[in-house]
Amino acid sequence: MRRSLELGTWWAVLVLFWLATVTEMSWQEVVAAGAIAVPGALVARVAGQASRNDWRLRLRWARGLLVLPWAVAKDAARVFAAVLKRDNSVLETVRLCGDDTKAQRAAHEAVATVMLSATPGTVVLDASSEHDALLVHRMPPGRQGWERTVVR
């Protein structure tokens, strides 16, 4: 059951990605997306097994997706203002909340890295070997409310 769910999830993500990039939606594009997503989903499943990552994603991490568009817009304005004021950037350590297993910590680190780097003012540069902290480059300095949602 888990394998089918994973394959179905990968297939849906790849279909949506394909359809998001087309300029004109047609039934031929939908059919092509569905057909091409099948081998992509299979490859993603095999790659996951080969890397031996038994990540368990938590639903609470998806909360950050709800505020991502607002966070990107707000952060873009902050970066633009910082450039005009010639504010400095900083390197900071962002601590992730404690997860139960190493696999959960690694999964949380991956999700947090992608989400934090999705905003214009923050880039994740490095992660700790224990998967409990991220080194980020931030411009302008100062932690965002968005970040608290991501690291929980």
C-alpha atoms as a PDB file:
ATOM      1  CA  MET A   1       0.000   0.000   0.000  1.00  0.00           C
ATOM      2  CA  ARG A   2       2.792   2.428   0.924  1.00  0.00           C
ATOM      3  CA  ARG A   3       4.574   1.767  -2.373  1.00  0.00           C
ATOM      4  CA  SER A   4       1.392   2.494  -4.345  1.00  0.00           C
ATOM      5  CA  LEU A   5       0.809   5.678  -2.389  1.00  0.00           C
ATOM      6  CA  GLU A   6       4.366   6.841  -3.012  1.00  0.00           C
ATOM      7  CA  LEU A   7       4.173   6.053  -6.733  1.00  0.00           C
ATOM      8  CA  GLY A   8       0.799   7.798  -6.997  1.00  0.00           C
ATOM      9  CA  THR A   9       2.116  10.861  -5.192  1.00  0.00           C
ATOM     10  CA  TRP A  10       5.161  11.108  -7.443  1.00  0.00           C
ATOM     11  CA  TRP A  11       2.965  10.615 -10.512  1.00  0.00           C
ATOM     12  CA  ALA A  12       0.590  13.402  -9.421  1.00  0.00           C
ATOM     13  CA  VAL A  13       3.437  15.799  -8.635  1.00  0.00           C
ATOM     14  CA  LEU A  14       5.056  15.171 -12.025  1.00  0.00           C
ATOM     15  CA  VAL A  15       1.744  15.573 -13.891  1.00  0.00           C
ATOM     16  CA  LEU A  16       1.056  18.851 -12.093  1.00  0.00           C
ATOM     17  CA  PHE A  17       4.571  20.076 -12.813  1.00  0.00           C
ATOM     18  CA  TRP A  18       4.186  19.265 -16.507  1.00  0.00           C
ATOM     19  CA  LEU A  19       0.794  20.972 -16.721  1.00  0.00           C
ATOM     20  CA  ALA A  20       2.088  24.034 -14.884  1.00  0.00           C
ATOM     21  CA  THR A  21       4.662  24.569 -17.633  1.00  0.00           C
ATOM     22  CA  VAL A  22       2.406  24.340 -20.692  1.00  0.00           C
ATOM     23  CA  THR A  23       1.246  27.515 -22.375  1.00  0.00           C
ATOM     24  CA  GLU A  24      -2.088  26.147 -23.564  1.00  0.00           C
ATOM     25  CA  MET A  25      -4.015  23.386 -21.816  1.00  0.00           C
ATOM     26  CA  SER A  26      -5.366  20.657 -24.082  1.00  0.00           C
ATOM     27  CA  TRP A  27      -6.394  17.049 -23.673  1.00  0.00           C
ATOM     28  CA  GLN A  28      -3.236  16.017 -25.555  1.00  0.00           C
ATOM     29  CA  GLU A  29      -1.092  17.770 -22.937  1.00  0.00           C
ATOM     30  CA  VAL A  30      -2.967  16.020 -20.121  1.00  0.00           C
ATOM     31  CA  VAL A  31      -2.490  12.618 -21.782  1.00  0.00           C
ATOM     32  CA  ALA A  32       1.198  13.322 -22.424  1.00  0.00           C
ATOM     33  CA  ALA A  33       1.705  14.462 -18.836  1.00  0.00           C
ATOM     34  CA  GLY A  34       0.046  11.327 -17.476  1.00  0.00           C
ATOM     35  CA  ALA A  35       2.055   9.020 -19.733  1.00  0.00           C
ATOM     36  CA  ILE A  36       5.422  10.660 -19.156  1.00  0.00           C
ATOM     37  CA  ALA A  37       4.900  10.858 -15.396  1.00  0.00           C
ATOM     38  CA  VAL A  38       4.717   7.044 -15.101  1.00  0.00           C
ATOM     39  CA  PRO A  39       8.418   6.340 -15.773  1.00  0.00           C
ATOM     40  CA  GLY A  40       9.343   9.446 -13.791  1.00  0.00           C
ATOM     41  CA  ALA A  41       7.449   8.142 -10.754  1.00  0.00           C
ATOM     42  CA  LEU A  42       9.105   4.743 -11.088  1.00  0.00           C
ATOM     43  CA  VAL A  43      12.564   6.312 -11.289  1.00  0.00           C
ATOM     44  CA  ALA A  44      11.816   8.488  -8.239  1.00  0.00           C
ATOM     45  CA  ARG A  45      10.759   5.404  -6.268  1.00  0.00           C
ATOM     46  CA  VAL A  46      13.895   3.463  -7.249  1.00  0.00           C
ATOM     47  CA  ALA A  47      16.115   6.458  -6.443  1.00  0.00           C
ATOM     48  CA  GLY A  48      14.516   6.739  -3.017  1.00  0.00           C
ATOM     49  CA  GLN A  49      15.193   3.085  -2.314  1.00  0.00           C
ATOM     50  CA  ALA A  50      18.772   3.340  -3.596  1.00  0.00           C
ATOM     51  CA  SER A  51      19.522   6.269  -1.301  1.00  0.00           C
ATOM     52  CA  ARG A  52      18.070   4.312   1.641  1.00  0.00           C
ATOM     53  CA  ASN A  53      16.265   7.366   2.967  1.00  0.00           C
ATOM     54  CA  ASP A  54      13.279   6.230   4.956  1.00  0.00           C
ATOM     55  CA  TRP A  55      11.913   9.708   5.397  1.00  0.00           C
ATOM     56  CA  ARG A  56       8.649  10.149   7.210  1.00  0.00           C
ATOM     57  CA  LEU A  57       7.194  13.498   6.287  1.00  0.00           C
ATOM     58  CA  ARG A  58       4.904  15.128   8.811  1.00  0.00           C
ATOM     59  CA  LEU A  59       1.761  16.950   7.805  1.00  0.00           C
ATOM     60  CA  ARG A  60       2.563  19.875  10.120  1.00  0.00           C
ATOM     61  CA  TRP A  61       5.567  20.759   7.955  1.00  0.00           C
ATOM     62  CA  ALA A  62       3.178  21.562   5.093  1.00  0.00           C
ATOM     63  CA  ARG A  63       1.786  24.525   7.051  1.00  0.00           C
ATOM     64  CA  GLY A  64       4.630  26.579   5.656  1.00  0.00           C
ATOM     65  CA  LEU A  65       3.245  26.096   2.149  1.00  0.00           C
ATOM     66  CA  LEU A  66       0.122  28.017   3.138  1.00  0.00           C
ATOM     67  CA  VAL A  67       2.084  31.165   3.912  1.00  0.00           C
ATOM     68  CA  LEU A  68       4.845  30.715   1.313  1.00  0.00           C
ATOM     69  CA  PRO A  69       3.405  33.115  -1.314  1.00  0.00           C
ATOM     70  CA  TRP A  70       2.976  35.877   1.285  1.00  0.00           C
ATOM     71  CA  ALA A  71       6.443  35.170   2.722  1.00  0.00           C
ATOM     72  CA  VAL A  72       8.059  35.442  -0.721  1.00  0.00           C
ATOM     73  CA  ALA A  73       6.359  38.771  -1.453  1.00  0.00           C
ATOM     74  CA  LYS A  74       7.150  40.196   1.975  1.00  0.00           C
ATOM     75  CA  ASP A  75      10.758  38.989   1.858  1.00  0.00           C
ATOM     76  CA  ALA A  76      11.279  40.411  -1.632  1.00  0.00           C
ATOM     77  CA  ALA A  77      10.177  43.831  -0.366  1.00  0.00           C
ATOM     78  CA  ARG A  78      12.498  43.530   2.652  1.00  0.00           C
ATOM     79  CA  VAL A  79      15.481  42.616   0.450  1.00  0.00           C
ATOM     80  CA  PHE A  80      14.770  45.516  -1.917  1.00  0.00           C
ATOM     81  CA  ALA A  81      14.554  47.927   1.036  1.00  0.00           C
ATOM     82  CA  ALA A  82      17.768  46.502   2.528  1.00  0.00           C
ATOM     83  CA  VAL A  83      19.617  47.051  -0.748  1.00  0.00           C
ATOM     84  CA  LEU A  84      18.435  50.664  -0.871  1.00  0.00           C
ATOM     85  CA  LYS A  85      19.499  51.218   2.755  1.00  0.00           C
ATOM     86  CA  ARG A  86      22.733  49.268   2.195  1.00  0.00           C
ATOM     87  CA  ASP A  87      22.005  46.924   5.109  1.00  0.00           C
ATOM     88  CA  ASN A  88      24.391  44.087   5.757  1.00  0.00           C
ATOM     89  CA  SER A  89      23.637  40.426   5.464  1.00  0.00           C
ATOM     90  CA  VAL A  90      24.394  37.880   8.193  1.00  0.00           C
ATOM     91  CA  LEU A  91      25.149  34.210   8.648  1.00  0.00           C
ATOM     92  CA  GLU A  92      22.927  32.639  11.305  1.00  0.00           C
ATOM     93  CA  THR A  93      22.166  29.224  12.656  1.00  0.00           C
ATOM     94  CA  VAL A  94      18.538  28.135  12.557  1.00  0.00           C
ATOM     95  CA  ARG A  95      17.636  25.342  14.965  1.00  0.00           C
ATOM     96  CA  LEU A  96      15.054  22.786  13.889  1.00  0.00           C
ATOM     97  CA  CYS A  97      12.639  21.322  16.406  1.00  0.00           C
ATOM     98  CA  GLY A  98      13.550  17.950  17.827  1.00  0.00           C
ATOM     99  CA  ASP A  99      12.126  15.054  15.834  1.00  0.00           C
ATOM    100  CA  ASP A 100      11.995  11.492  17.097  1.00  0.00           C
ATOM    101  CA  THR A 101      14.185   9.574  14.673  1.00  0.00           C
ATOM    102  CA  LYS A 102      17.180  10.352  12.496  1.00  0.00           C
ATOM    103  CA  ALA A 103      15.043   9.743   9.393  1.00  0.00           C
ATOM    104  CA  GLN A 104      12.476  12.300  10.600  1.00  0.00           C
ATOM    105  CA  ARG A 105      15.215  14.820  11.363  1.00  0.00           C
ATOM    106  CA  ALA A 106      16.720  14.330   7.896  1.00  0.00           C
ATOM    107  CA  ALA A 107      13.322  14.750   6.252  1.00  0.00           C
ATOM    108  CA  HIS A 108      12.589  17.883   8.272  1.00  0.00           C
ATOM    109  CA  GLU A 109      15.999  19.284   7.335  1.00  0.00           C
ATOM    110  CA  ALA A 110      15.278  18.708   3.639  1.00  0.00           C
ATOM    111  CA  VAL A 111      11.814  20.290   3.803  1.00  0.00           C
ATOM    112  CA  ALA A 112      13.063  23.273   5.826  1.00  0.00           C
ATOM    113  CA  THR A 113      16.005  23.795   3.443  1.00  0.00           C
ATOM    114  CA  VAL A 114      13.726  23.973   0.408  1.00  0.00           C
ATOM    115  CA  MET A 115      11.156  26.207   2.100  1.00  0.00           C
ATOM    116  CA  LEU A 116      13.638  28.642   3.623  1.00  0.00           C
ATOM    117  CA  SER A 117      15.574  28.918   0.371  1.00  0.00           C
ATOM    118  CA  ALA A 118      12.341  29.622  -1.526  1.00  0.00           C
ATOM    119  CA  THR A 119      12.254  33.174  -0.187  1.00  0.00           C
ATOM    120  CA  PRO A 120      14.546  35.829  -1.692  1.00  0.00           C
ATOM    121  CA  GLY A 121      16.209  36.899   1.557  1.00  0.00           C
ATOM    122  CA  THR A 122      17.366  33.538   2.908  1.00  0.00           C
ATOM    123  CA  VAL A 123      19.613  30.836   1.479  1.00  0.00           C
ATOM    124  CA  VAL A 124      20.546  27.668   3.358  1.00  0.00           C
ATOM    125  CA  LEU A 125      24.303  27.131   3.075  1.00  0.00           C
ATOM    126  CA  ASP A 126      24.937  24.096   5.262  1.00  0.00           C
ATOM    127  CA  ALA A 127      23.321  21.640   7.635  1.00  0.00           C
ATOM    128  CA  SER A 128      24.610  19.976  10.783  1.00  0.00           C
ATOM    129  CA  SER A 129      25.511  16.302  10.700  1.00  0.00           C
ATOM    130  CA  GLU A 130      22.870  15.669  13.371  1.00  0.00           C
ATOM    131  CA  HIS A 131      20.137  17.226  11.195  1.00  0.00           C
ATOM    132  CA  ASP A 132      19.113  19.676  13.900  1.00  0.00           C
ATOM    133  CA  ALA A 133      20.441  23.002  12.593  1.00  0.00           C
ATOM    134  CA  LEU A 134      20.844  24.903   9.338  1.00  0.00           C
ATOM    135  CA  LEU A 135      23.392  27.606   8.513  1.00  0.00           C
ATOM    136  CA  VAL A 136      21.594  30.366   6.597  1.00  0.00           C
ATOM    137  CA  HIS A 137      22.677  33.526   4.826  1.00  0.00           C
ATOM    138  CA  ARG A 138      20.067  36.186   5.505  1.00  0.00           C
ATOM    139  CA  MET A 139      19.506  39.631   4.083  1.00  0.00           C
ATOM    140  CA  PRO A 140      18.446  41.760   5.817  1.00  0.00           C
ATOM    141  CA  PRO A 141      19.284  40.485   9.319  1.00  0.00           C
ATOM    142  CA  GLY A 142      16.428  39.368  11.520  1.00  0.00           C
ATOM    143  CA  ARG A 143      14.345  36.260  11.822  1.00  0.00           C
ATOM    144  CA  GLN A 144      11.001  36.146  10.039  1.00  0.00           C
ATOM    145  CA  GLY A 145       7.702  34.854  11.422  1.00  0.00           C
ATOM    146  CA  TRP A 146       7.559  32.581   8.384  1.00  0.00           C
ATOM    147  CA  GLU A 147      10.689  30.843   9.617  1.00  0.00           C
ATOM    148  CA  ARG A 148       9.033  29.805  12.888  1.00  0.00           C
ATOM    149  CA  THR A 149       6.389  27.941  10.891  1.00  0.00           C
ATOM    150  CA  VAL A 150       9.015  26.079   8.891  1.00  0.00           C
ATOM    151  CA  VAL A 151      11.291  24.966  11.737  1.00  0.00           C
ATOM    152  CA  ARG A 152       8.548  23.510  13.952  1.00  0.00           C
END
